[in-house]
Amino acid sequence: MTGRSTVHTFSLREVQSLLGVSRSALRTLVDAGFVQPSHGARNDLRFTFRDVVLLRTALKLRGSRIPPRRILKALSRIKDQLPDAAPLTGVRITAVGDAVAVATGDAQWDAVSGQLLLDFEIAEVKGDVTFLDNAPASVSARRKQAEDWYSLAEQLQATDAVGAEAAYRKAIELSPEPDFHAYNNLGALLASDHNRCAHALEVFDEALQHFQDAELLHANRAVLLEEAGHLEEAAASYLHCVEINGKNDQAALNHAVLLEQLGRVDEAMAAYARCLEINPANEEALRHLTRLHEQNGDSQAVIRHLSAWRRFNG
């Protein structure tokens, strides 16, 4: 897997968009020392993933009864535990009375005093950037945290592919049952980078061990194999799609085209005919099939297929 040494950063405008606050509100938090962003090549402010988490937490806690000085002190302790990039270990941060509470696994503690806080309910933070415990004990906790990692991955996908990949992988790792959507989204995310198609194939292959009859996984795998020039395997994957969904004429057409490219003309003609059986209106399958019959000098077959197509399509 390709390593990445650089940390993704966000511009002030991107952070405004992520947090839904004004430029002046962010500048106030920066000036108060909640975060210490770096400066880019043009002296513009650049924020790390950790900065975004701390800013969102500060905005959330600012609406509580906690004095700003205590929030600042708490965040200065918390930020030492947060990674700059994707969430690797985790905490959940919320207000409990006049304390800044942090949850790690089954324990909750006061970020200022370090004392444990017991018997309170952690506030729901779905929709927020969230850091999560790495090793939940119960099955229900694993399932809930897998769902949270999946939600975080979806939030990150448009702005931070590295973070999204890490979050999807964590969702897959933690989920008590194989997570179809996490597998498929991760594979699609990796496939969007031409340098990571082999990694995407690995994800789809692993997913198919759990979801053998998932048409979408076979289709995505077939496209990647075709792009990589593995036509035999791609043709087999398209055929799997047709076997799973007998109405998928596009997969049937793709299967036939690859058979023709492989020089298996008789099989390709049968596959084009099968595509037309599925969808008699498929003009591309008709065009390919009649062309092959013409090359073979079989004018009667050409007339037969054209007549059938005209009857069906009026």
Protein backbone atom coordinates (compact mmCIF):
# COMPACT_ATOMS: atom_id res chain seq x y z
CA MET A 1 0.00 0.00 0.00
CA THR A 2 1.33 3.39 -0.92
CA GLY A 3 2.64 5.38 2.08
CA ARG A 4 1.89 9.04 2.58
CA SER A 5 4.20 11.23 4.62
CA THR A 6 2.40 14.58 4.26
CA VAL A 7 -0.43 15.69 6.54
CA HIS A 8 -3.51 17.06 4.81
CA THR A 9 -4.39 20.58 5.90
CA PHE A 10 -7.45 22.77 5.45
CA SER A 11 -7.69 26.42 4.46
CA LEU A 12 -9.64 28.92 6.55
CA ARG A 13 -12.43 28.86 3.97
CA GLU A 14 -12.60 25.04 4.06
CA VAL A 15 -12.80 25.06 7.86
CA GLN A 16 -15.58 27.67 7.67
CA SER A 17 -17.48 25.33 5.36
CA LEU A 18 -16.84 22.25 7.49
CA LEU A 19 -17.94 23.91 10.73
CA GLY A 20 -20.59 26.25 9.35
CA VAL A 21 -19.29 29.35 11.15
CA SER A 22 -18.16 32.81 10.11
CA ARG A 23 -14.58 33.84 9.39
CA SER A 24 -14.62 36.24 12.34
CA ALA A 25 -15.76 33.46 14.72
CA LEU A 26 -12.85 31.29 13.64
CA ARG A 27 -10.39 34.16 13.95
CA THR A 28 -11.66 34.78 17.49
CA LEU A 29 -10.97 31.15 18.45
CA VAL A 30 -7.53 31.26 16.83
CA ASP A 31 -6.66 34.54 18.56
CA ALA A 32 -7.83 33.05 21.88
CA GLY A 33 -5.32 30.25 21.44
CA PHE A 34 -7.71 27.33 20.99
CA VAL A 35 -5.57 26.19 18.04
CA GLN A 36 -2.27 27.25 16.54
CA PRO A 37 -2.57 26.79 12.76
CA SER A 38 0.49 26.85 10.54
CA HIS A 39 1.03 29.24 7.63
CA GLY A 40 1.05 28.24 3.98
CA ALA A 41 3.24 29.45 1.13
CA ARG A 42 1.17 32.64 0.82
CA ASN A 43 1.08 33.17 4.59
CA ASP A 44 -2.49 31.84 4.69
CA LEU A 45 -3.67 29.87 7.72
CA ARG A 46 -3.55 26.06 7.36
CA PHE A 47 -5.46 23.84 9.82
CA THR A 48 -4.80 20.15 10.54
CA PHE A 49 -7.52 17.57 11.12
CA ARG A 50 -6.76 17.88 14.84
CA ASP A 51 -7.29 21.66 14.65
CA VAL A 52 -10.71 21.11 13.06
CA VAL A 53 -11.70 18.72 15.87
CA LEU A 54 -10.56 21.16 18.55
CA LEU A 55 -12.32 24.10 16.90
CA ARG A 56 -15.55 22.15 16.59
CA THR A 57 -15.25 21.07 20.21
CA ALA A 58 -14.59 24.64 21.34
CA LEU A 59 -17.63 25.90 19.43
CA LYS A 60 -19.76 23.18 20.97
CA LEU A 61 -18.53 23.75 24.51
CA ARG A 62 -18.79 27.52 24.18
CA GLY A 63 -22.57 27.14 24.32
CA SER A 64 -22.36 25.39 27.70
CA ARG A 65 -21.89 26.83 31.19
CA ILE A 66 -18.14 26.20 31.11
CA PRO A 67 -15.95 29.32 31.37
CA PRO A 68 -13.78 29.98 28.28
CA ARG A 69 -10.60 29.79 30.37
CA ARG A 70 -11.49 26.27 31.53
CA ILE A 71 -12.31 25.22 27.94
CA LEU A 72 -8.93 26.50 26.78
CA LYS A 73 -7.12 24.66 29.57
CA ALA A 74 -9.02 21.43 28.85
CA LEU A 75 -8.36 21.57 25.12
CA SER A 76 -4.67 22.19 25.67
CA ARG A 77 -4.54 18.85 27.51
CA ILE A 78 -6.79 17.02 25.05
CA LYS A 79 -4.98 18.08 21.89
CA ASP A 80 -1.82 16.25 22.97
CA GLN A 81 -3.78 13.01 22.46
CA LEU A 82 -5.22 13.81 19.05
CA PRO A 83 -3.40 12.91 15.82
CA ASP A 84 -2.83 15.56 13.15
CA ALA A 85 -4.44 13.49 10.43
CA ALA A 86 -6.96 10.64 10.42
CA PRO A 87 -8.36 9.40 13.77
CA LEU A 88 -6.19 6.56 15.02
CA THR A 89 -7.01 6.50 18.72
CA GLY A 90 -9.98 8.24 20.13
CA VAL A 91 -11.88 10.27 22.58
CA ARG A 92 -15.33 11.77 22.73
CA ILE A 93 -15.60 15.24 24.17
CA THR A 94 -18.72 16.80 25.72
CA ALA A 95 -19.86 19.05 28.54
CA VAL A 96 -20.99 17.48 31.82
CA GLY A 97 -22.15 20.17 34.20
CA ASP A 98 -19.29 22.63 34.37
CA ALA A 99 -16.64 20.06 33.34
CA VAL A 100 -15.16 19.19 29.98
CA ALA A 101 -15.64 15.42 29.89
CA VAL A 102 -13.65 13.03 27.75
CA ALA A 103 -14.67 9.43 27.07
CA THR A 104 -12.09 6.77 26.23
CA GLY A 105 -13.56 3.27 26.18
CA ASP A 106 -15.57 2.69 29.36
CA ALA A 107 -13.90 5.49 31.35
CA GLN A 108 -14.80 9.18 31.40
CA TRP A 109 -12.54 11.80 32.90
CA ASP A 110 -12.38 15.52 33.55
CA ALA A 111 -9.96 17.02 31.03
CA VAL A 112 -8.84 19.69 33.52
CA SER A 113 -8.40 17.70 36.75
CA GLY A 114 -7.81 14.28 35.23
CA GLN A 115 -10.33 12.77 37.68
CA LEU A 116 -12.69 10.02 36.52
CA LEU A 117 -16.34 10.98 35.99
CA LEU A 118 -18.77 8.13 36.56
CA ASP A 119 -22.45 7.44 35.91
CA PHE A 120 -23.25 9.99 33.28
CA GLU A 121 -24.41 9.58 29.73
CA ILE A 122 -22.17 10.74 26.92
CA ALA A 123 -23.96 13.14 24.59
CA GLU A 124 -24.70 12.01 21.05
CA VAL A 125 -22.32 13.61 18.58
CA LYS A 126 -23.48 12.03 15.33
CA GLY A 127 -22.69 14.46 12.52
CA ASP A 128 -19.70 15.90 14.38
CA VAL A 129 -16.08 14.98 13.79
CA THR A 130 -15.64 12.29 16.46
CA PHE A 131 -12.75 10.36 17.92
CA LEU A 132 -13.58 6.84 18.97
CA ASP A 133 -12.20 4.16 21.24
CA ASN A 134 -10.01 1.66 19.41
CA ALA A 135 -11.03 -1.45 21.36
CA PRO A 136 -14.71 -1.53 22.39
CA ALA A 137 -15.45 -4.56 24.55
CA SER A 138 -19.03 -5.60 23.74
CA VAL A 139 -20.56 -6.58 20.41
CA SER A 140 -23.08 -3.75 20.64
CA ALA A 141 -20.28 -1.24 21.30
CA ARG A 142 -18.31 -2.57 18.35
CA ARG A 143 -21.36 -2.26 16.10
CA LYS A 144 -22.08 1.30 17.27
CA GLN A 145 -18.49 2.41 16.82
CA ALA A 146 -18.29 0.76 13.40
CA GLU A 147 -21.34 2.81 12.41
CA ASP A 148 -19.69 5.97 13.73
CA TRP A 149 -16.48 5.27 11.83
CA TYR A 150 -18.55 4.70 8.68
CA SER A 151 -20.35 8.03 9.19
CA LEU A 152 -17.02 9.77 9.72
CA ALA A 153 -15.64 8.18 6.53
CA GLU A 154 -18.58 9.53 4.54
CA GLN A 155 -17.97 13.02 5.94
CA LEU A 156 -14.27 12.89 5.08
CA GLN A 157 -14.56 11.33 1.63
CA ALA A 158 -15.00 14.59 -0.28
CA THR A 159 -12.19 16.48 1.48
CA ASP A 160 -9.71 13.94 2.87
CA ALA A 161 -9.33 10.64 0.99
CA VAL A 162 -6.59 9.46 3.36
CA GLY A 163 -8.75 10.01 6.44
CA ALA A 164 -11.78 8.45 4.72
CA GLU A 165 -9.79 5.34 3.82
CA ALA A 166 -8.58 4.95 7.41
CA ALA A 167 -12.13 5.40 8.73
CA TYR A 168 -13.66 2.88 6.28
CA ARG A 169 -10.98 0.35 7.21
CA LYS A 170 -11.71 0.91 10.89
CA ALA A 171 -15.44 0.43 10.26
CA ILE A 172 -14.69 -2.88 8.53
CA GLU A 173 -12.36 -3.97 11.32
CA LEU A 174 -14.79 -3.17 14.14
CA SER A 175 -18.08 -4.30 12.60
CA PRO A 176 -19.22 -7.60 14.16
CA GLU A 177 -20.71 -8.54 10.79
CA PRO A 178 -19.15 -7.86 7.36
CA ASP A 179 -20.20 -4.37 6.27
CA PHE A 180 -21.14 -4.38 2.58
CA HIS A 181 -21.37 -0.59 2.24
CA ALA A 182 -18.03 0.03 3.95
CA TYR A 183 -16.33 -2.48 1.66
CA ASN A 184 -17.94 -1.08 -1.48
CA ASN A 185 -17.30 2.56 -0.60
CA LEU A 186 -13.69 1.84 0.32
CA GLY A 187 -13.16 -0.02 -2.95
CA ALA A 188 -14.73 2.82 -4.93
CA LEU A 189 -12.64 5.39 -3.06
CA LEU A 190 -9.41 3.53 -3.86
CA ALA A 191 -10.49 2.94 -7.47
CA SER A 192 -10.84 6.70 -7.98
CA ASP A 193 -7.03 6.88 -7.70
CA HIS A 194 -5.52 5.17 -10.77
CA ASN A 195 -2.44 4.30 -8.72
CA ARG A 196 -4.51 2.35 -6.20
CA CYS A 197 -6.57 0.09 -8.45
CA ALA A 198 -4.71 -3.00 -7.22
CA HIS A 199 -5.63 -2.06 -3.65
CA ALA A 200 -9.25 -1.54 -4.70
CA LEU A 201 -9.28 -5.02 -6.22
CA GLU A 202 -7.99 -6.44 -2.95
CA VAL A 203 -10.90 -4.80 -1.13
CA PHE A 204 -13.50 -6.11 -3.60
CA ASP A 205 -11.97 -9.60 -3.49
CA GLU A 206 -12.14 -9.61 0.30
CA ALA A 207 -15.71 -8.32 0.22
CA LEU A 208 -16.75 -11.09 -2.19
CA GLN A 209 -15.64 -13.66 0.36
CA HIS A 210 -18.55 -12.42 2.48
CA PHE A 211 -20.99 -11.32 -0.24
CA GLN A 212 -20.59 -13.86 -3.06
CA ASP A 213 -23.86 -12.85 -4.73
CA ALA A 214 -23.39 -9.08 -4.56
CA GLU A 215 -23.86 -7.96 -8.16
CA LEU A 216 -22.40 -4.50 -7.52
CA LEU A 217 -19.15 -5.92 -6.15
CA HIS A 218 -18.73 -8.20 -9.17
CA ALA A 219 -19.46 -5.27 -11.50
CA ASN A 220 -16.96 -2.96 -9.81
CA ARG A 221 -14.37 -5.73 -9.83
CA ALA A 222 -15.00 -6.39 -13.53
CA VAL A 223 -14.45 -2.74 -14.45
CA LEU A 224 -11.13 -2.63 -12.60
CA LEU A 225 -9.96 -5.90 -14.12
CA GLU A 226 -10.87 -4.70 -17.59
CA GLU A 227 -8.99 -1.43 -17.07
CA ALA A 228 -5.97 -3.42 -15.86
CA GLY A 229 -6.07 -5.57 -19.00
CA HIS A 230 -7.11 -8.79 -17.22
CA LEU A 231 -9.80 -9.56 -19.78
CA GLU A 232 -10.39 -13.23 -18.89
CA GLU A 233 -11.08 -12.41 -15.25
CA ALA A 234 -13.12 -9.35 -16.18
CA ALA A 235 -15.29 -11.40 -18.54
CA ALA A 236 -15.88 -13.94 -15.76
CA SER A 237 -16.93 -11.18 -13.36
CA TYR A 238 -19.38 -9.71 -15.90
CA LEU A 239 -20.80 -13.20 -16.39
CA HIS A 240 -21.27 -13.50 -12.61
CA CYS A 241 -23.34 -10.30 -12.76
CA VAL A 242 -25.61 -11.83 -15.40
CA GLU A 243 -25.95 -15.07 -13.44
CA ILE A 244 -26.92 -13.08 -10.33
CA ASN A 245 -29.25 -10.72 -12.17
CA GLY A 246 -30.71 -12.20 -15.33
CA LYS A 247 -32.00 -8.77 -16.41
CA ASN A 248 -28.59 -7.09 -16.51
CA ASP A 249 -28.15 -6.65 -20.27
CA GLN A 250 -25.25 -4.19 -19.83
CA ALA A 251 -23.18 -6.82 -18.02
CA ALA A 252 -24.18 -9.34 -20.70
CA LEU A 253 -23.02 -6.93 -23.40
CA ASN A 254 -19.72 -6.26 -21.61
CA HIS A 255 -19.17 -10.00 -21.27
CA ALA A 256 -19.75 -10.50 -25.00
CA VAL A 257 -17.45 -7.63 -25.99
CA LEU A 258 -14.60 -9.05 -23.91
CA LEU A 259 -15.09 -12.54 -25.34
CA GLU A 260 -14.78 -11.04 -28.82
CA GLN A 261 -11.63 -9.16 -27.83
CA LEU A 262 -10.21 -12.44 -26.55
CA GLY A 263 -10.81 -14.02 -29.97
CA ARG A 264 -13.55 -16.36 -28.73
CA VAL A 265 -15.90 -15.34 -31.53
CA ASP A 266 -18.43 -18.18 -31.31
CA GLU A 267 -18.84 -17.63 -27.56
CA ALA A 268 -19.11 -13.87 -28.17
CA MET A 269 -21.91 -14.37 -30.71
CA ALA A 270 -23.79 -16.54 -28.22
CA ALA A 271 -23.26 -13.89 -25.55
CA TYR A 272 -24.54 -11.09 -27.83
CA ALA A 273 -27.59 -13.22 -28.56
CA ARG A 274 -28.11 -13.72 -24.84
CA CYS A 275 -27.94 -9.95 -24.34
CA LEU A 276 -30.69 -9.51 -26.93
CA GLU A 277 -32.79 -12.15 -25.20
CA ILE A 278 -32.51 -10.11 -22.00
CA ASN A 279 -33.21 -6.83 -23.77
CA PRO A 280 -34.35 -7.05 -27.41
CA ALA A 281 -33.95 -3.25 -27.67
CA ASN A 282 -30.20 -3.31 -27.07
CA GLU A 283 -28.96 -1.80 -30.34
CA GLU A 284 -25.28 -2.20 -29.52
CA ALA A 285 -25.63 -5.95 -29.04
CA LEU A 286 -27.58 -6.16 -32.31
CA ARG A 287 -24.90 -4.17 -34.15
CA HIS A 288 -22.07 -6.39 -32.88
CA LEU A 289 -23.97 -9.62 -33.55
CA THR A 290 -25.03 -8.74 -37.10
CA ARG A 291 -21.50 -7.58 -37.88
CA LEU A 292 -20.09 -10.95 -36.83
CA HIS A 293 -22.73 -12.82 -38.86
CA GLU A 294 -21.86 -10.67 -41.89
CA GLN A 295 -18.18 -11.49 -41.44
CA ASN A 296 -19.14 -15.17 -41.44
CA GLY A 297 -21.23 -14.68 -44.60
CA ASP A 298 -24.43 -15.66 -42.82
CA SER A 299 -26.87 -13.18 -44.37
CA GLN A 300 -29.89 -15.22 -43.21
CA ALA A 301 -28.86 -14.79 -39.57
CA VAL A 302 -28.47 -11.05 -40.13
CA ILE A 303 -31.99 -10.82 -41.61
CA ARG A 304 -33.39 -12.94 -38.80
CA HIS A 305 -31.94 -10.78 -36.02
CA LEU A 306 -32.87 -7.50 -37.74
CA SER A 307 -36.45 -8.70 -38.28
CA ALA A 308 -36.74 -9.75 -34.64
CA TRP A 309 -35.41 -6.37 -33.48
CA ARG A 310 -37.87 -4.47 -35.71
CA ARG A 311 -40.79 -6.58 -34.52
CA PHE A 312 -39.98 -5.87 -30.90
CA ASN A 313 -39.27 -2.18 -31.35
CA GLY A 314 -42.16 -1.46 -33.71
